[in-house]
Amino acid sequence: MWLRDSAAQIHPLLLLDVYQGKSLVQLDAKLERVVSGLILKAARFIRFDPYANAFKLHNNTNFTKFEREILGRRGYIATRNYELDSGCYFMRMLYFFYQNFPTHPVLARQEVTDAVNMMVDLWIAEQKHELEAFPSGELFDCFECGRSYWYNPQQLQDGKGTKTNASAGLTWSGFRPSDDPCVYGYIIPSNMFAVVVLEYMMEMTTTIWKDQSLLRKAKKLKDEIQGGIDRYGTVQHDTYGKMYAYEVDGLGNYLLEDDANIPSLLSIPYLGYKYDEEVYANTKRFIFSPDNPQYHKGHNKYNGEIEGIGSSHAHKLWEVIPDDIWPMSLIMKGLITNDPSEKTHLVYQLLQASAGTGWMHESFNANDPTNFTRSWFCWPDSLFAELVMSLTDDCPRSDRAKYIIKEWNDTNVIGGSVFSAIG
C-alpha cells in the first residue's frame, strides 16, 4: 500500500458538494468506514517507519539480506524510498476527512496525532539533510531510526545524494512522486504541497488537537519552506521568463522539467498552493513545449493530434515506450482549467486514449494508445473520476453524443472492451 496512491484513490469521495450538496463519503456510511480505516492504517504505517513510502499488509515477508540491509525493507515495509509527498497526501486526506466529519473519533486517535507529529519532525530534520540530521524522540523508535537517511550506496556522498544547502529552508526528499531518485533533493512542487498541508494541520491543531507545540513547529516550518521556495524555487529562462524549477539544491543548481506524477509543476493550482500567476503561466508554457524533456505529442486513429507529459519512471522500470504520455497529465490539465469545453475535450481524449480497455493506464504511446504500460492503474482512475466530477451544467450541450461517458459492463473481463453507453 503506497501512502500516496491510497490517499489519492479515495480523494474523490471526500470532495464536498458533488451530489446534493454533500460528498460521497457523507452519503454512504460504508465509504466513511473505508476512509476512516485507511486513515488509521496509514497512521500506523507511518508510526512503524515514517521514511517508508509503501507497506505490506502483513509483516511476515522473508526479505533478502540485500533488501534488509541496503534497501531498509523489514516488517511491514515494502519500499523505503523516502518521498516528501507521501506525508503530504496523508495530511491532505486527514484534512478533507475533517472537513466532512469535524468531530469524527478517528481524528483524535493517538496513532493519528503521532503520525502528524512524526511527519512534521521528520520534515524539520530533513531541512538539514546535508548535515546528516535525523528526527529524534520516543516516537522515532523504528529499526532504521536514530541515524540520517541514505537511500542508495551508489548515489553521491555514499548514498546521501547530491550536496544541498542546509540553510535553504526547503525540506529534502530522496525520491520523487514517480518513485525515481531525486537529482537535487529539493522538489519544488512537493515543497509547495508541504506548505499547503502544514496550513491544514495548523487549522486542525487549533480546532481539535489544541497542541500549541505542534502549532508552533508547523508554522515555523511552513514559513521556512515558503521562504525557500521564494528564494530558490524560480529561475529566469531566456525563452519563458521567470518560471518555477522542478528541483533545486539551494546552491545554484536546478532541474527544468516536469513529470506527470503529482505533485508536479502543472498541478500547482490543484494542490491549493498560493502561486504567482505570471510565473505559473510561464511555467505551463514551458511544460507543454519540447523544452520539457517529458513533453510528448503524436497522432493516432483514436485521438488525432494529442500532446501530454510523460515520466522518466516508465523508462526505468517498464518497457521503453517512445513518446509516452501519462493520462495523469491530461487529467491534471483538465482539473486546473475553468474552461468547460477544454474539460470535455480532455475527457473525450482520455476515453479514446484508453483504447477500448475501460481503464486509465500508466502511460501510452502518443502514436498508438494500444501500446501502453499497466492495464490498470487506480491512481489515474480516481483522478479521472475527479475530472468528471468537476464538470458542471456549464458544459457545452452541442454535439452531446461525442461526450457520452461509458460504463464498464463486463465484470468477467479485466482490460476487456465491452461497454454500455449511459447518459
Protein backbone atom coordinates (compact mmCIF):
# COMPACT_ATOMS: atom_id res chain seq x y z
CA MET A 1 0.00 0.00 0.00
CA TRP A 2 1.52 3.27 -1.14
CA LEU A 3 0.72 6.13 1.25
CA ARG A 4 0.39 8.49 -1.70
CA ASP A 5 -1.60 6.30 -4.07
CA SER A 6 -4.06 5.05 -1.46
CA ALA A 7 -4.85 8.57 -0.23
CA ALA A 8 -5.21 9.83 -3.80
CA GLN A 9 -7.55 6.98 -4.70
CA ILE A 10 -10.14 7.90 -2.08
CA HIS A 11 -9.85 11.67 -2.57
CA PRO A 12 -12.89 11.93 -4.88
CA LEU A 13 -15.02 10.52 -2.06
CA LEU A 14 -14.11 13.47 0.18
CA LEU A 15 -14.88 16.32 -2.21
CA LEU A 16 -17.70 18.42 -0.81
CA ASP A 17 -20.81 19.50 -2.70
CA VAL A 18 -20.54 16.98 -5.51
CA TYR A 19 -24.01 15.48 -5.08
CA GLN A 20 -27.00 17.19 -3.49
CA GLY A 21 -24.67 19.45 -1.52
CA LYS A 22 -22.77 16.58 0.07
CA SER A 23 -19.69 14.46 -0.55
CA LEU A 24 -19.92 10.81 -1.47
CA VAL A 25 -18.43 9.79 1.87
CA GLN A 26 -21.21 11.67 3.67
CA LEU A 27 -23.85 9.82 1.67
CA ASP A 28 -22.61 6.31 2.38
CA ALA A 29 -21.66 5.03 5.84
CA LYS A 30 -19.67 2.21 4.26
CA LEU A 31 -17.46 4.71 2.48
CA GLU A 32 -16.97 6.62 5.73
CA ARG A 33 -15.72 3.42 7.37
CA VAL A 34 -13.41 2.71 4.43
CA VAL A 35 -11.78 6.14 4.60
CA SER A 36 -11.53 6.28 8.39
CA GLY A 37 -9.99 2.81 8.29
CA LEU A 38 -7.47 3.91 5.68
CA ILE A 39 -6.52 6.92 7.81
CA LEU A 40 -5.85 4.68 10.78
CA LYS A 41 -3.94 2.12 8.70
CA ALA A 42 -1.76 4.82 7.13
CA ALA A 43 -1.10 6.41 10.52
CA ARG A 44 0.04 3.07 11.93
CA PHE A 45 2.34 2.51 8.98
CA ILE A 46 3.87 5.98 9.45
CA ARG A 47 4.38 5.15 13.11
CA PHE A 48 6.17 1.95 12.05
CA ASP A 49 8.62 3.89 9.85
CA PRO A 50 7.94 7.46 8.68
CA TYR A 51 10.58 7.24 5.94
CA ALA A 52 8.90 4.35 4.11
CA ASN A 53 6.61 5.13 1.20
CA ALA A 54 4.89 1.77 0.68
CA PHE A 55 3.86 -1.01 3.02
CA LYS A 56 2.63 -4.59 3.08
CA LEU A 57 -0.50 -5.58 4.99
CA HIS A 58 1.44 -8.32 6.78
CA ASN A 59 4.89 -8.34 8.39
CA ASN A 60 5.94 -11.90 7.58
CA THR A 61 7.80 -11.31 4.29
CA ASN A 62 11.12 -13.13 4.09
CA PHE A 63 13.31 -10.30 2.81
CA THR A 64 16.78 -10.98 1.45
CA LYS A 65 19.87 -9.65 3.21
CA PHE A 66 20.25 -7.03 0.47
CA GLU A 67 16.66 -5.89 0.90
CA ARG A 68 17.05 -5.65 4.66
CA GLU A 69 20.49 -4.10 4.97
CA ILE A 70 20.69 -1.98 1.82
CA LEU A 71 17.07 -1.15 0.98
CA GLY A 72 15.81 -0.98 4.57
CA ARG A 73 12.92 -3.38 4.00
CA ARG A 74 11.71 -5.27 7.02
CA GLY A 75 8.44 -5.89 8.81
CA TYR A 76 5.60 -4.12 7.01
CA ILE A 77 7.89 -2.09 4.73
CA ALA A 78 7.51 -2.78 1.01
CA THR A 79 9.79 0.06 -0.14
CA ARG A 80 11.68 2.57 1.98
CA ASN A 81 12.00 5.28 -0.63
CA TYR A 82 11.61 8.49 1.33
CA GLU A 83 9.22 10.71 -0.62
CA LEU A 84 8.13 14.03 0.83
CA ASP A 85 4.78 13.83 -0.92
CA SER A 86 3.78 10.65 0.95
CA GLY A 87 3.26 12.58 4.17
CA CYS A 88 1.60 15.41 2.26
CA TYR A 89 -1.03 13.07 0.87
CA PHE A 90 -1.70 11.63 4.32
CA MET A 91 -2.24 15.10 5.77
CA ARG A 92 -4.47 16.14 2.88
CA MET A 93 -6.62 13.04 3.37
CA LEU A 94 -6.83 13.78 7.08
CA TYR A 95 -7.89 17.39 6.49
CA PHE A 96 -10.53 16.63 3.88
CA PHE A 97 -11.98 13.93 6.15
CA TYR A 98 -12.02 16.51 8.94
CA GLN A 99 -13.97 18.87 6.69
CA ASN A 100 -16.56 16.15 6.22
CA PHE A 101 -16.67 14.93 9.82
CA PRO A 102 -15.17 17.57 12.18
CA THR A 103 -15.86 15.52 15.31
CA HIS A 104 -15.10 12.04 13.99
CA PRO A 105 -13.36 9.93 16.67
CA VAL A 106 -10.61 8.75 14.32
CA LEU A 107 -9.25 12.32 14.23
CA ALA A 108 -8.50 12.16 17.95
CA ARG A 109 -6.80 8.75 17.85
CA GLN A 110 -3.30 8.75 19.27
CA GLU A 111 -1.96 6.98 16.20
CA VAL A 112 -3.19 9.82 14.01
CA THR A 113 -1.74 12.66 16.07
CA ASP A 114 1.50 10.70 16.46
CA ALA A 115 1.76 10.33 12.68
CA VAL A 116 1.28 14.07 12.13
CA ASN A 117 3.86 14.95 14.78
CA MET A 118 6.34 12.48 13.31
CA MET A 119 5.98 13.86 9.80
CA VAL A 120 6.45 17.44 10.96
CA ASP A 121 9.55 16.49 12.96
CA LEU A 122 10.90 14.48 10.03
CA TRP A 123 10.44 17.38 7.61
CA ILE A 124 12.22 19.68 10.06
CA ALA A 125 15.16 17.28 10.30
CA GLU A 126 15.35 16.88 6.52
CA GLN A 127 15.82 20.62 6.13
CA LYS A 128 19.32 19.79 7.40
CA HIS A 129 19.83 16.64 5.35
CA GLU A 130 23.26 17.80 4.21
CA LEU A 131 24.32 17.91 7.87
CA GLU A 132 23.08 14.32 8.34
CA ALA A 133 20.33 15.41 10.71
CA PHE A 134 17.64 12.96 11.72
CA PRO A 135 14.48 13.23 13.83
CA SER A 136 14.61 12.08 17.43
CA GLY A 137 12.24 11.42 20.29
CA GLU A 138 10.32 8.48 21.69
CA LEU A 139 8.14 8.16 18.57
CA PHE A 140 11.17 7.53 16.36
CA ASP A 141 11.90 4.01 17.51
CA CYS A 142 11.87 2.20 14.15
CA PHE A 143 14.72 -0.15 13.28
CA GLU A 144 16.38 2.35 10.93
CA CYS A 145 15.63 5.41 13.09
CA GLY A 146 18.39 7.11 15.05
CA ARG A 147 20.59 7.83 12.05
CA SER A 148 20.44 10.01 8.96
CA TYR A 149 18.57 8.73 5.94
CA TRP A 150 20.51 7.39 2.99
CA TYR A 151 18.86 5.67 0.08
CA ASN A 152 21.38 4.16 -2.31
CA PRO A 153 25.07 3.47 -1.73
CA GLN A 154 25.68 4.12 -5.44
CA GLN A 155 24.46 7.71 -5.13
CA LEU A 156 26.85 10.56 -4.42
CA GLN A 157 28.17 11.09 -0.90
CA ASP A 158 27.81 7.41 -0.01
CA GLY A 159 24.09 7.35 -0.66
CA LYS A 160 23.21 10.75 0.76
CA GLY A 161 22.66 12.28 -2.67
CA THR A 162 23.97 15.47 -4.23
CA LYS A 163 25.03 18.31 -1.95
CA THR A 164 22.28 20.64 -0.76
CA ASN A 165 22.15 23.93 1.09
CA ALA A 166 21.19 23.12 4.68
CA SER A 167 20.13 26.74 5.21
CA ALA A 168 17.75 26.94 2.25
CA GLY A 169 14.63 26.41 4.36
CA LEU A 170 13.36 23.74 1.97
CA THR A 171 12.85 20.16 3.11
CA TRP A 172 14.67 17.33 1.35
CA SER A 173 13.29 14.26 -0.39
CA GLY A 174 15.16 11.19 -1.57
CA PHE A 175 12.62 10.27 -4.22
CA ARG A 176 10.10 11.95 -6.47
CA PRO A 177 6.36 11.21 -6.70
CA SER A 178 7.33 8.96 -9.62
CA ASP A 179 9.40 6.82 -7.21
CA ASP A 180 12.58 7.85 -9.06
CA PRO A 181 15.58 9.21 -7.11
CA CYS A 182 15.87 12.98 -6.97
CA VAL A 183 18.68 14.76 -8.78
CA TYR A 184 18.93 17.79 -6.49
CA GLY A 185 16.95 16.88 -3.38
CA TYR A 186 14.59 19.82 -3.01
CA ILE A 187 11.49 19.12 -5.12
CA ILE A 188 9.69 22.42 -5.56
CA PRO A 189 6.13 21.11 -6.17
CA SER A 190 6.44 18.73 -3.21
CA ASN A 191 7.63 21.58 -1.00
CA MET A 192 4.65 23.62 -2.21
CA PHE A 193 2.36 20.74 -1.26
CA ALA A 194 4.01 20.67 2.17
CA VAL A 195 3.22 24.36 2.67
CA VAL A 196 -0.44 23.68 1.87
CA VAL A 197 -0.88 20.69 4.17
CA LEU A 198 1.04 22.33 7.01
CA GLU A 199 -1.58 25.08 6.90
CA TYR A 200 -4.21 22.34 7.09
CA MET A 201 -2.53 20.84 10.14
CA MET A 202 -2.28 24.26 11.80
CA GLU A 203 -6.05 24.61 11.49
CA MET A 204 -6.69 21.15 12.91
CA THR A 205 -4.21 21.77 15.70
CA THR A 206 -6.10 24.92 16.63
CA THR A 207 -9.61 23.49 16.41
CA ILE A 208 -9.41 19.90 17.65
CA TRP A 209 -5.97 18.89 18.92
CA LYS A 210 -5.16 22.02 20.96
CA ASP A 211 -1.45 21.25 20.66
CA GLN A 212 0.48 24.51 20.88
CA SER A 213 3.85 22.82 20.42
CA LEU A 214 2.76 21.23 17.14
CA LEU A 215 1.19 24.50 16.03
CA ARG A 216 4.42 26.43 16.59
CA LYS A 217 6.53 23.79 14.84
CA ALA A 218 4.19 23.57 11.87
CA LYS A 219 4.01 27.34 11.42
CA LYS A 220 7.76 27.84 11.65
CA LEU A 221 8.37 25.01 9.21
CA LYS A 222 5.74 26.31 6.78
CA ASP A 223 7.23 29.80 6.83
CA GLU A 224 10.76 28.49 6.29
CA ILE A 225 9.74 26.27 3.38
CA GLN A 226 7.83 29.15 1.81
CA GLY A 227 10.88 31.35 2.20
CA GLY A 228 12.98 28.70 0.47
CA ILE A 229 10.54 28.49 -2.43
CA ASP A 230 10.56 32.27 -2.78
CA ARG A 231 14.34 32.42 -2.79
CA TYR A 232 15.37 29.27 -4.66
CA GLY A 233 12.27 27.92 -6.41
CA THR A 234 12.27 30.09 -9.52
CA VAL A 235 14.70 30.66 -12.36
CA GLN A 236 14.90 33.19 -15.19
CA HIS A 237 14.55 31.40 -18.53
CA ASP A 238 15.67 33.05 -21.77
CA THR A 239 12.51 31.95 -23.58
CA TYR A 240 9.81 31.66 -20.93
CA GLY A 241 10.84 34.30 -18.43
CA LYS A 242 10.61 33.72 -14.70
CA MET A 243 9.37 30.18 -14.04
CA TYR A 244 9.30 27.52 -11.35
CA ALA A 245 12.06 24.91 -11.26
CA TYR A 246 11.25 21.24 -10.67
CA GLU A 247 14.21 20.50 -8.39
CA VAL A 248 16.90 22.67 -6.82
CA ASP A 249 19.76 22.19 -4.38
CA GLY A 250 19.82 25.71 -2.92
CA LEU A 251 23.38 26.09 -4.19
CA GLY A 252 22.54 27.42 -7.64
CA ASN A 253 21.81 24.17 -9.45
CA TYR A 254 18.32 23.41 -10.73
CA LEU A 255 16.40 20.99 -12.92
CA LEU A 256 13.97 22.32 -15.52
CA GLU A 257 11.39 19.69 -16.42
CA ASP A 258 8.04 18.46 -15.26
CA ASP A 259 6.87 14.93 -14.60
CA ALA A 260 3.30 13.68 -14.92
CA ASN A 261 3.25 12.29 -11.39
CA ILE A 262 1.62 14.53 -8.80
CA PRO A 263 2.69 16.80 -7.16
CA SER A 264 4.02 18.30 -10.36
CA LEU A 265 4.56 21.84 -11.53
CA LEU A 266 1.45 21.52 -13.70
CA SER A 267 -0.59 20.55 -10.63
CA ILE A 268 0.34 23.64 -8.56
CA PRO A 269 -3.21 25.13 -8.68
CA TYR A 270 -4.73 21.72 -7.92
CA LEU A 271 -2.57 21.39 -4.80
CA GLY A 272 -4.09 24.57 -3.39
CA TYR A 273 -0.79 26.44 -3.31
CA LYS A 274 -0.84 30.26 -3.47
CA TYR A 275 1.24 30.70 -6.60
CA ASP A 276 2.33 33.67 -8.69
CA GLU A 277 0.01 33.65 -11.72
CA GLU A 278 2.54 35.07 -14.17
CA VAL A 279 5.29 32.70 -13.05
CA TYR A 280 2.90 29.75 -13.28
CA ALA A 281 1.71 30.79 -16.76
CA ASN A 282 5.34 30.92 -17.92
CA THR A 283 5.98 27.53 -16.32
CA LYS A 284 2.95 26.00 -18.03
CA ARG A 285 4.14 27.25 -21.42
CA PHE A 286 7.46 25.52 -20.74
CA ILE A 287 5.76 22.31 -19.59
CA PHE A 288 3.86 21.94 -22.87
CA SER A 289 6.86 22.56 -25.07
CA PRO A 290 9.73 20.46 -26.44
CA ASP A 291 11.99 22.16 -23.90
CA ASN A 292 10.43 19.93 -21.24
CA PRO A 293 12.21 16.56 -21.57
CA GLN A 294 8.97 14.79 -20.63
CA TYR A 295 6.77 16.54 -23.22
CA HIS A 296 5.42 14.31 -25.98
CA LYS A 297 3.00 14.71 -28.84
CA GLY A 298 1.74 12.48 -31.60
CA HIS A 299 -1.12 11.48 -33.85
CA ASN A 300 -3.22 8.33 -33.68
CA LYS A 301 -6.50 6.98 -35.04
CA TYR A 302 -8.22 7.26 -31.65
CA ASN A 303 -7.33 10.83 -30.72
CA GLY A 304 -5.99 12.52 -33.79
CA GLU A 305 -3.43 15.07 -32.57
CA ILE A 306 -2.55 14.65 -28.90
CA GLU A 307 0.04 16.07 -26.52
CA GLY A 308 0.87 15.41 -22.90
CA ILE A 309 3.55 14.82 -20.30
CA GLY A 310 5.37 11.60 -19.59
CA SER A 311 7.73 10.41 -16.88
CA SER A 312 11.22 9.02 -16.60
CA HIS A 313 9.77 6.26 -14.44
CA ALA A 314 8.34 4.20 -17.29
CA HIS A 315 11.72 4.14 -18.99
CA LYS A 316 13.41 2.68 -15.93
CA LEU A 317 11.07 0.08 -14.52
CA TRP A 318 8.96 -0.93 -17.51
CA GLU A 319 9.44 -1.48 -21.20
CA VAL A 320 10.57 1.63 -23.01
CA ILE A 321 7.66 3.28 -24.82
CA PRO A 322 8.81 6.14 -27.03
CA ASP A 323 6.68 9.28 -26.93
CA ASP A 324 4.86 8.02 -23.84
CA ILE A 325 2.10 10.22 -22.42
CA TRP A 326 0.80 9.60 -18.93
CA PRO A 327 -3.00 10.01 -18.67
CA MET A 328 -2.43 11.74 -15.33
CA SER A 329 -1.02 14.73 -17.18
CA LEU A 330 -4.11 15.04 -19.39
CA ILE A 331 -6.37 14.66 -16.36
CA MET A 332 -4.46 17.33 -14.47
CA LYS A 333 -4.65 19.67 -17.45
CA GLY A 334 -8.43 19.28 -17.23
CA LEU A 335 -8.57 19.72 -13.47
CA ILE A 336 -6.72 23.04 -13.50
CA THR A 337 -8.77 24.67 -16.25
CA ASN A 338 -12.00 26.58 -15.73
CA ASP A 339 -12.98 26.16 -19.38
CA PRO A 340 -15.79 23.54 -19.66
CA SER A 341 -15.04 23.00 -23.35
CA GLU A 342 -11.42 22.14 -22.58
CA LYS A 343 -12.50 19.81 -19.78
CA THR A 344 -14.91 17.88 -22.00
CA HIS A 345 -12.36 17.71 -24.81
CA LEU A 346 -9.83 16.17 -22.41
CA VAL A 347 -12.41 13.71 -21.08
CA TYR A 348 -13.03 12.62 -24.65
CA GLN A 349 -9.30 12.34 -25.37
CA LEU A 350 -8.78 10.23 -22.26
CA LEU A 351 -11.64 7.90 -23.15
CA GLN A 352 -10.25 7.46 -26.64
CA ALA A 353 -6.70 7.00 -25.36
CA SER A 354 -7.86 4.10 -23.18
CA ALA A 355 -8.08 2.19 -26.48
CA GLY A 356 -11.27 0.42 -25.51
CA THR A 357 -9.96 -1.09 -22.28
CA GLY A 358 -12.11 0.94 -19.90
CA TRP A 359 -9.16 1.94 -17.72
CA MET A 360 -6.72 4.78 -17.32
CA HIS A 361 -3.26 3.38 -17.97
CA GLU A 362 0.10 4.38 -16.57
CA SER A 363 1.33 5.56 -19.97
CA PHE A 364 0.55 5.12 -23.64
CA ASN A 365 2.28 5.78 -26.93
CA ALA A 366 1.08 9.08 -28.37
CA ASN A 367 1.02 7.47 -31.82
CA ASP A 368 -0.59 4.20 -30.73
CA PRO A 369 -2.57 4.09 -27.43
CA THR A 370 -2.87 0.30 -27.67
CA ASN A 371 0.81 0.27 -26.74
CA PHE A 372 0.61 1.09 -23.04
CA THR A 373 2.05 0.20 -19.63
CA ARG A 374 -0.13 -1.20 -16.84
CA SER A 375 -3.53 -2.48 -17.90
CA TRP A 376 -4.99 -0.76 -14.84
CA PHE A 377 -3.75 1.96 -12.51
CA CYS A 378 -6.07 3.07 -9.71
CA TRP A 379 -4.44 6.44 -9.10
CA PRO A 380 -5.30 7.94 -12.54
CA ASP A 381 -8.65 6.12 -12.45
CA SER A 382 -9.53 8.14 -9.36
CA LEU A 383 -8.10 11.34 -10.84
CA PHE A 384 -10.26 10.78 -13.90
CA ALA A 385 -13.26 10.48 -11.59
CA GLU A 386 -12.29 13.86 -10.11
CA LEU A 387 -12.16 15.35 -13.59
CA VAL A 388 -15.61 14.03 -14.48
CA MET A 389 -16.95 15.27 -11.12
CA SER A 390 -15.54 18.72 -11.88
CA LEU A 391 -17.82 19.05 -14.90
CA THR A 392 -20.94 21.14 -14.29
CA ASP A 393 -24.11 22.21 -16.06
CA ASP A 394 -22.00 24.85 -17.78
CA CYS A 395 -20.64 22.16 -20.09
CA PRO A 396 -21.43 22.65 -23.79
CA ARG A 397 -24.56 20.84 -24.89
CA SER A 398 -23.85 20.79 -28.61
CA ASP A 399 -22.61 17.51 -30.05
CA ARG A 400 -23.54 15.87 -26.74
CA ALA A 401 -23.15 12.35 -28.07
CA LYS A 402 -19.45 12.98 -28.53
CA TYR A 403 -19.02 13.21 -24.76
CA ILE A 404 -21.11 10.24 -23.61
CA ILE A 405 -19.40 8.54 -20.69
CA LYS A 406 -19.28 4.76 -20.97
CA GLU A 407 -19.87 2.34 -18.16
CA TRP A 408 -17.94 -0.89 -17.66
CA ASN A 409 -20.33 -3.70 -18.48
CA ASP A 410 -18.42 -6.96 -18.19
CA THR A 411 -17.09 -7.88 -14.75
CA ASN A 412 -15.57 -11.10 -16.08
CA VAL A 413 -13.02 -9.41 -18.31
CA ILE A 414 -10.12 -7.35 -16.98
CA GLY A 415 -8.89 -4.97 -19.63
CA GLY A 416 -11.68 -6.02 -21.98
CA SER A 417 -13.77 -3.73 -24.15
CA VAL A 418 -17.45 -4.40 -23.54
CA PHE A 419 -19.28 -1.21 -22.60
CA SER A 420 -22.79 0.18 -22.45
CA ALA A 421 -23.34 3.88 -23.07
CA ILE A 422 -25.19 5.83 -20.39
CA GLY A 423 -26.33 9.42 -20.08
